[in-house]
Amino acid sequence: MMLEQHRALYLNCEKCHHSRKMSLPELIDRHGDLALQVVLERAVCTRCGARWPNITLQVPPDNAPRVR
């Protein structure tokens, strides 16, 4: 559903404050159509190696201002 709506998905590390926008098509190609909770539970920070619960997931609303 998020892919159809062209929504963004960000994973944020609360430990080292690293943040990364995730590619939904890439996630689906790699893992199939997963629930967001499963994505969160499998996430690992590429900077410090932290895992859930130190990783949070953010889906900005559709009407959020776009930063360029």
PDB file of N, CA and C in Angstrom:
ATOM      1  N   MET A   1       0.816  -1.181   0.000  1.00  0.00           N
ATOM      2  CA  MET A   1       0.000   0.000   0.000  1.00  0.00           C
ATOM      3  C   MET A   1       0.873   1.264   0.000  1.00  0.00           C
ATOM      4  N   MET A   2       1.946   1.262   0.809  1.00  0.00           N
ATOM      5  CA  MET A   2       2.827   2.434   0.856  1.00  0.00           C
ATOM      6  C   MET A   2       3.493   2.668  -0.493  1.00  0.00           C
ATOM      7  N   LEU A   3       3.838   1.591  -1.173  1.00  0.00           N
ATOM      8  CA  LEU A   3       4.480   1.706  -2.486  1.00  0.00           C
ATOM      9  C   LEU A   3       3.520   2.341  -3.485  1.00  0.00           C
ATOM     10  N   GLU A   4       2.266   1.920  -3.462  1.00  0.00           N
ATOM     11  CA  GLU A   4       1.264   2.478  -4.373  1.00  0.00           C
ATOM     12  C   GLU A   4       1.038   3.963  -4.112  1.00  0.00           C
ATOM     13  N   GLN A   5       1.176   4.384  -2.855  1.00  0.00           N
ATOM     14  CA  GLN A   5       0.969   5.781  -2.482  1.00  0.00           C
ATOM     15  C   GLN A   5       2.242   6.615  -2.595  1.00  0.00           C
ATOM     16  N   HIS A   6       3.357   5.975  -3.031  1.00  0.00           N
ATOM     17  CA  HIS A   6       4.652   6.651  -3.184  1.00  0.00           C
ATOM     18  C   HIS A   6       5.091   7.297  -1.863  1.00  0.00           C
ATOM     19  N   ARG A   7       4.920   6.573  -0.760  1.00  0.00           N
ATOM     20  CA  ARG A   7       5.286   7.076   0.559  1.00  0.00           C
ATOM     21  C   ARG A   7       6.760   6.822   0.834  1.00  0.00           C
ATOM     22  N   ALA A   8       7.342   7.641   1.675  1.00  0.00           N
ATOM     23  CA  ALA A   8       8.744   7.483   2.078  1.00  0.00           C
ATOM     24  C   ALA A   8       8.798   6.718   3.403  1.00  0.00           C
ATOM     25  N   LEU A   9       9.882   6.006   3.609  1.00  0.00           N
ATOM     26  CA  LEU A   9      10.094   5.246   4.831  1.00  0.00           C
ATOM     27  C   LEU A   9      11.503   5.554   5.323  1.00  0.00           C
ATOM     28  N   TYR A  10      11.609   6.017   6.548  1.00  0.00           N
ATOM     29  CA  TYR A  10      12.907   6.346   7.130  1.00  0.00           C
ATOM     30  C   TYR A  10      13.148   5.485   8.352  1.00  0.00           C
ATOM     31  N   LEU A  11      14.363   4.969   8.479  1.00  0.00           N
ATOM     32  CA  LEU A  11      14.783   4.277   9.694  1.00  0.00           C
ATOM     33  C   LEU A  11      15.776   5.185  10.406  1.00  0.00           C
ATOM     34  N   ASN A  12      15.569   5.353  11.701  1.00  0.00           N
ATOM     35  CA  ASN A  12      16.401   6.243  12.508  1.00  0.00           C
ATOM     36  C   ASN A  12      17.016   5.460  13.653  1.00  0.00           C
ATOM     37  N   CYS A  13      18.317   5.612  13.848  1.00  0.00           N
ATOM     38  CA  CYS A  13      19.007   4.974  14.959  1.00  0.00           C
ATOM     39  C   CYS A  13      19.038   5.946  16.133  1.00  0.00           C
ATOM     40  N   GLU A  14      18.432   5.535  17.234  1.00  0.00           N
ATOM     41  CA  GLU A  14      18.406   6.374  18.430  1.00  0.00           C
ATOM     42  C   GLU A  14      19.758   6.368  19.143  1.00  0.00           C
ATOM     43  N   LYS A  15      20.594   5.373  18.862  1.00  0.00           N
ATOM     44  CA  LYS A  15      21.899   5.257  19.513  1.00  0.00           C
ATOM     45  C   LYS A  15      22.924   6.232  18.941  1.00  0.00           C
ATOM     46  N   CYS A  16      23.061   6.254  17.613  1.00  0.00           N
ATOM     47  CA  CYS A  16      24.097   7.096  16.996  1.00  0.00           C
ATOM     48  C   CYS A  16      23.499   8.220  16.146  1.00  0.00           C
ATOM     49  N   HIS A  17      22.178   8.308  16.098  1.00  0.00           N
ATOM     50  CA  HIS A  17      21.454   9.361  15.373  1.00  0.00           C
ATOM     51  C   HIS A  17      21.636   9.289  13.855  1.00  0.00           C
ATOM     52  N   HIS A  18      21.992   8.125  13.349  1.00  0.00           N
ATOM     53  CA  HIS A  18      22.073   7.905  11.914  1.00  0.00           C
ATOM     54  C   HIS A  18      20.656   7.733  11.379  1.00  0.00           C
ATOM     55  N   SER A  19      20.365   8.266  10.218  1.00  0.00           N
ATOM     56  CA  SER A  19      19.047   8.160   9.609  1.00  0.00           C
ATOM     57  C   SER A  19      19.207   7.810   8.140  1.00  0.00           C
ATOM     58  N   ARG A  20      18.300   6.972   7.634  1.00  0.00           N
ATOM     59  CA  ARG A  20      18.396   6.575   6.233  1.00  0.00           C
ATOM     60  C   ARG A  20      17.007   6.405   5.633  1.00  0.00           C
ATOM     61  N   LYS A  21      16.827   6.984   4.452  1.00  0.00           N
ATOM     62  CA  LYS A  21      15.598   6.774   3.702  1.00  0.00           C
ATOM     63  C   LYS A  21      15.714   5.415   3.027  1.00  0.00           C
ATOM     64  N   MET A  22      14.712   4.595   3.206  1.00  0.00           N
ATOM     65  CA  MET A  22      14.729   3.253   2.653  1.00  0.00           C
ATOM     66  C   MET A  22      13.988   3.229   1.316  1.00  0.00           C
ATOM     67  N   SER A  23      14.474   2.433   0.403  1.00  0.00           N
ATOM     68  CA  SER A  23      13.839   2.237  -0.893  1.00  0.00           C
ATOM     69  C   SER A  23      12.798   1.132  -0.751  1.00  0.00           C
ATOM     70  N   LEU A  24      11.521   1.484  -0.848  1.00  0.00           N
ATOM     71  CA  LEU A  24      10.471   0.483  -0.720  1.00  0.00           C
ATOM     72  C   LEU A  24      10.542  -0.589  -1.807  1.00  0.00           C
ATOM     73  N   PRO A  25      10.756  -0.227  -3.078  1.00  0.00           N
ATOM     74  CA  PRO A  25      10.877  -1.285  -4.093  1.00  0.00           C
ATOM     75  C   PRO A  25      12.029  -2.249  -3.793  1.00  0.00           C
ATOM     76  N   GLU A  26      13.152  -1.721  -3.307  1.00  0.00           N
ATOM     77  CA  GLU A  26      14.296  -2.566  -2.972  1.00  0.00           C
ATOM     78  C   GLU A  26      13.973  -3.497  -1.804  1.00  0.00           C
ATOM     79  N   LEU A  27      13.312  -2.968  -0.765  1.00  0.00           N
ATOM     80  CA  LEU A  27      12.912  -3.800   0.379  1.00  0.00           C
ATOM     81  C   LEU A  27      11.978  -4.922  -0.059  1.00  0.00           C
ATOM     82  N   ILE A  28      11.008  -4.602  -0.910  1.00  0.00           N
ATOM     83  CA  ILE A  28      10.051  -5.605  -1.364  1.00  0.00           C
ATOM     84  C   ILE A  28      10.738  -6.647  -2.234  1.00  0.00           C
ATOM     85  N   ASP A  29      11.659  -6.216  -3.108  1.00  0.00           N
ATOM     86  CA  ASP A  29      12.404  -7.167  -3.938  1.00  0.00           C
ATOM     87  C   ASP A  29      13.231  -8.118  -3.079  1.00  0.00           C
ATOM     88  N   ARG A  30      13.829  -7.596  -2.032  1.00  0.00           N
ATOM     89  CA  ARG A  30      14.717  -8.387  -1.185  1.00  0.00           C
ATOM     90  C   ARG A  30      13.961  -9.287  -0.215  1.00  0.00           C
ATOM     91  N   HIS A  31      12.878  -8.765   0.388  1.00  0.00           N
ATOM     92  CA  HIS A  31      12.215  -9.501   1.481  1.00  0.00           C
ATOM     93  C   HIS A  31      10.762  -9.848   1.221  1.00  0.00           C
ATOM     94  N   GLY A  32      10.193  -9.409   0.114  1.00  0.00           N
ATOM     95  CA  GLY A  32       8.770  -9.639  -0.118  1.00  0.00           C
ATOM     96  C   GLY A  32       7.957  -8.543   0.546  1.00  0.00           C
ATOM     97  N   ASP A  33       6.664  -8.711   0.515  1.00  0.00           N
ATOM     98  CA  ASP A  33       5.742  -7.713   1.057  1.00  0.00           C
ATOM     99  C   ASP A  33       5.632  -7.898   2.571  1.00  0.00           C
ATOM    100  N   LEU A  34       6.448  -7.169   3.326  1.00  0.00           N
ATOM    101  CA  LEU A  34       6.513  -7.320   4.778  1.00  0.00           C
ATOM    102  C   LEU A  34       5.692  -6.259   5.492  1.00  0.00           C
ATOM    103  N   ALA A  35       5.208  -6.614   6.661  1.00  0.00           N
ATOM    104  CA  ALA A  35       4.577  -5.630   7.530  1.00  0.00           C
ATOM    105  C   ALA A  35       5.662  -4.698   8.064  1.00  0.00           C
ATOM    106  N   LEU A  36       5.297  -3.457   8.362  1.00  0.00           N
ATOM    107  CA  LEU A  36       6.286  -2.495   8.867  1.00  0.00           C
ATOM    108  C   LEU A  36       6.928  -2.972  10.156  1.00  0.00           C
ATOM    109  N   GLN A  37       6.199  -3.661  11.008  1.00  0.00           N
ATOM    110  CA  GLN A  37       6.773  -4.171  12.260  1.00  0.00           C
ATOM    111  C   GLN A  37       7.895  -5.169  11.976  1.00  0.00           C
ATOM    112  N   VAL A  38       7.737  -5.991  10.950  1.00  0.00           N
ATOM    113  CA  VAL A  38       8.770  -6.966  10.580  1.00  0.00           C
ATOM    114  C   VAL A  38      10.003  -6.238  10.057  1.00  0.00           C
ATOM    115  N   VAL A  39       9.805  -5.209   9.236  1.00  0.00           N
ATOM    116  CA  VAL A  39      10.935  -4.411   8.743  1.00  0.00           C
ATOM    117  C   VAL A  39      11.693  -3.827   9.925  1.00  0.00           C
ATOM    118  N   LEU A  40      10.981  -3.268  10.868  1.00  0.00           N
ATOM    119  CA  LEU A  40      11.595  -2.656  12.045  1.00  0.00           C
ATOM    120  C   LEU A  40      12.374  -3.683  12.864  1.00  0.00           C
ATOM    121  N   GLU A  41      11.798  -4.848  13.075  1.00  0.00           N
ATOM    122  CA  GLU A  41      12.460  -5.887  13.873  1.00  0.00           C
ATOM    123  C   GLU A  41      13.708  -6.448  13.193  1.00  0.00           C
ATOM    124  N   ARG A  42      13.774  -6.382  11.861  1.00  0.00           N
ATOM    125  CA  ARG A  42      14.938  -6.898  11.119  1.00  0.00           C
ATOM    126  C   ARG A  42      15.994  -5.831  10.849  1.00  0.00           C
ATOM    127  N   ALA A  43      15.671  -4.574  11.103  1.00  0.00           N
ATOM    128  CA  ALA A  43      16.572  -3.471  10.763  1.00  0.00           C
ATOM    129  C   ALA A  43      17.828  -3.477  11.628  1.00  0.00           C
ATOM    130  N   VAL A  44      18.948  -3.105  11.008  1.00  0.00           N
ATOM    131  CA  VAL A  44      20.227  -2.969  11.693  1.00  0.00           C
ATOM    132  C   VAL A  44      20.858  -1.668  11.205  1.00  0.00           C
ATOM    133  N   CYS A  45      21.325  -0.842  12.123  1.00  0.00           N
ATOM    134  CA  CYS A  45      21.986   0.404  11.754  1.00  0.00           C
ATOM    135  C   CYS A  45      23.298   0.081  11.044  1.00  0.00           C
ATOM    136  N   THR A  46      23.500   0.673   9.874  1.00  0.00           N
ATOM    137  CA  THR A  46      24.722   0.410   9.117  1.00  0.00           C
ATOM    138  C   THR A  46      25.921   1.151   9.686  1.00  0.00           C
ATOM    139  N   ARG A  47      25.690   2.095  10.579  1.00  0.00           N
ATOM    140  CA  ARG A  47      26.794   2.838  11.184  1.00  0.00           C
ATOM    141  C   ARG A  47      27.282   2.168  12.475  1.00  0.00           C
ATOM    142  N   CYS A  48      26.362   1.848  13.402  1.00  0.00           N
ATOM    143  CA  CYS A  48      26.805   1.342  14.711  1.00  0.00           C
ATOM    144  C   CYS A  48      26.340  -0.078  15.020  1.00  0.00           C
ATOM    145  N   GLY A  49      25.488  -0.651  14.171  1.00  0.00           N
ATOM    146  CA  GLY A  49      25.042  -2.020  14.367  1.00  0.00           C
ATOM    147  C   GLY A  49      23.868  -2.186  15.320  1.00  0.00           C
ATOM    148  N   ALA A  50      23.270  -1.092  15.768  1.00  0.00           N
ATOM    149  CA  ALA A  50      22.139  -1.173  16.695  1.00  0.00           C
ATOM    150  C   ALA A  50      20.946  -1.862  16.022  1.00  0.00           C
ATOM    151  N   ARG A  51      20.131  -2.479  16.835  1.00  0.00           N
ATOM    152  CA  ARG A  51      18.913  -3.154  16.374  1.00  0.00           C
ATOM    153  C   ARG A  51      17.737  -2.638  17.184  1.00  0.00           C
ATOM    154  N   TRP A  52      16.549  -3.105  16.817  1.00  0.00           N
ATOM    155  CA  TRP A  52      15.348  -2.765  17.556  1.00  0.00           C
ATOM    156  C   TRP A  52      15.549  -3.152  19.016  1.00  0.00           C
ATOM    157  N   PRO A  53      15.195  -2.358  20.007  1.00  0.00           N
ATOM    158  CA  PRO A  53      14.336  -1.184  20.003  1.00  0.00           C
ATOM    159  C   PRO A  53      15.069   0.146  19.829  1.00  0.00           C
ATOM    160  N   ASN A  54      16.358   0.124  19.499  1.00  0.00           N
ATOM    161  CA  ASN A  54      17.094   1.371  19.289  1.00  0.00           C
ATOM    162  C   ASN A  54      16.900   1.938  17.884  1.00  0.00           C
ATOM    163  N   ILE A  55      16.166   1.229  17.046  1.00  0.00           N
ATOM    164  CA  ILE A  55      15.846   1.686  15.703  1.00  0.00           C
ATOM    165  C   ILE A  55      14.373   2.081  15.688  1.00  0.00           C
ATOM    166  N   THR A  56      14.085   3.251  15.151  1.00  0.00           N
ATOM    167  CA  THR A  56      12.693   3.670  15.013  1.00  0.00           C
ATOM    168  C   THR A  56      12.368   3.856  13.540  1.00  0.00           C
ATOM    169  N   LEU A  57      11.106   3.777  13.233  1.00  0.00           N
ATOM    170  CA  LEU A  57      10.636   3.875  11.869  1.00  0.00           C
ATOM    171  C   LEU A  57       9.770   5.119  11.744  1.00  0.00           C
ATOM    172  N   GLN A  58       9.937   5.841  10.665  1.00  0.00           N
ATOM    173  CA  GLN A  58       9.172   7.072  10.450  1.00  0.00           C
ATOM    174  C   GLN A  58       8.582   7.053   9.044  1.00  0.00           C
ATOM    175  N   VAL A  59       7.290   7.335   8.968  1.00  0.00           N
ATOM    176  CA  VAL A  59       6.598   7.477   7.694  1.00  0.00           C
ATOM    177  C   VAL A  59       5.969   8.862   7.704  1.00  0.00           C
ATOM    178  N   PRO A  60       6.617   9.845   7.063  1.00  0.00           N
ATOM    179  CA  PRO A  60       6.073  11.200   7.070  1.00  0.00           C
ATOM    180  C   PRO A  60       4.693  11.238   6.400  1.00  0.00           C
ATOM    181  N   PRO A  61       3.816  12.113   6.874  1.00  0.00           N
ATOM    182  CA  PRO A  61       2.498  12.235   6.237  1.00  0.00           C
ATOM    183  C   PRO A  61       2.623  12.749   4.811  1.00  0.00           C
ATOM    184  N   ASP A  62       1.610  12.459   4.011  1.00  0.00           N
ATOM    185  CA  ASP A  62       1.603  12.893   2.605  1.00  0.00           C
ATOM    186  C   ASP A  62       1.776  14.398   2.444  1.00  0.00           C
ATOM    187  N   ASN A  63       1.220  15.162   3.374  1.00  0.00           N
ATOM    188  CA  ASN A  63       1.236  16.611   3.218  1.00  0.00           C
ATOM    189  C   ASN A  63       2.432  17.280   3.895  1.00  0.00           C
ATOM    190  N   ALA A  64       3.440  16.471   4.277  1.00  0.00           N
ATOM    191  CA  ALA A  64       4.638  17.043   4.894  1.00  0.00           C
ATOM    192  C   ALA A  64       5.405  17.850   3.859  1.00  0.00           C
ATOM    193  N   PRO A  65       6.013  18.976   4.280  1.00  0.00           N
ATOM    194  CA  PRO A  65       6.798  19.786   3.336  1.00  0.00           C
ATOM    195  C   PRO A  65       7.970  18.983   2.797  1.00  0.00           C
ATOM    196  N   ARG A  66       8.269  19.146   1.560  1.00  0.00           N
ATOM    197  CA  ARG A  66       9.387  18.439   0.923  1.00  0.00           C
ATOM    198  C   ARG A  66      10.650  19.293   1.049  1.00  0.00           C
ATOM    199  N   VAL A  67      11.712  18.651   1.526  1.00  0.00           N
ATOM    200  CA  VAL A  67      13.005  19.319   1.682  1.00  0.00           C
ATOM    201  C   VAL A  67      13.852  18.953   0.475  1.00  0.00           C
ATOM    202  N   ARG A  68      14.456  19.937  -0.124  1.00  0.00           N
ATOM    203  CA  ARG A  68      15.315  19.682  -1.302  1.00  0.00           C
ATOM    204  C   ARG A  68      16.739  19.980  -0.986  1.00  0.00           C
TER     205      ARG A  68
END
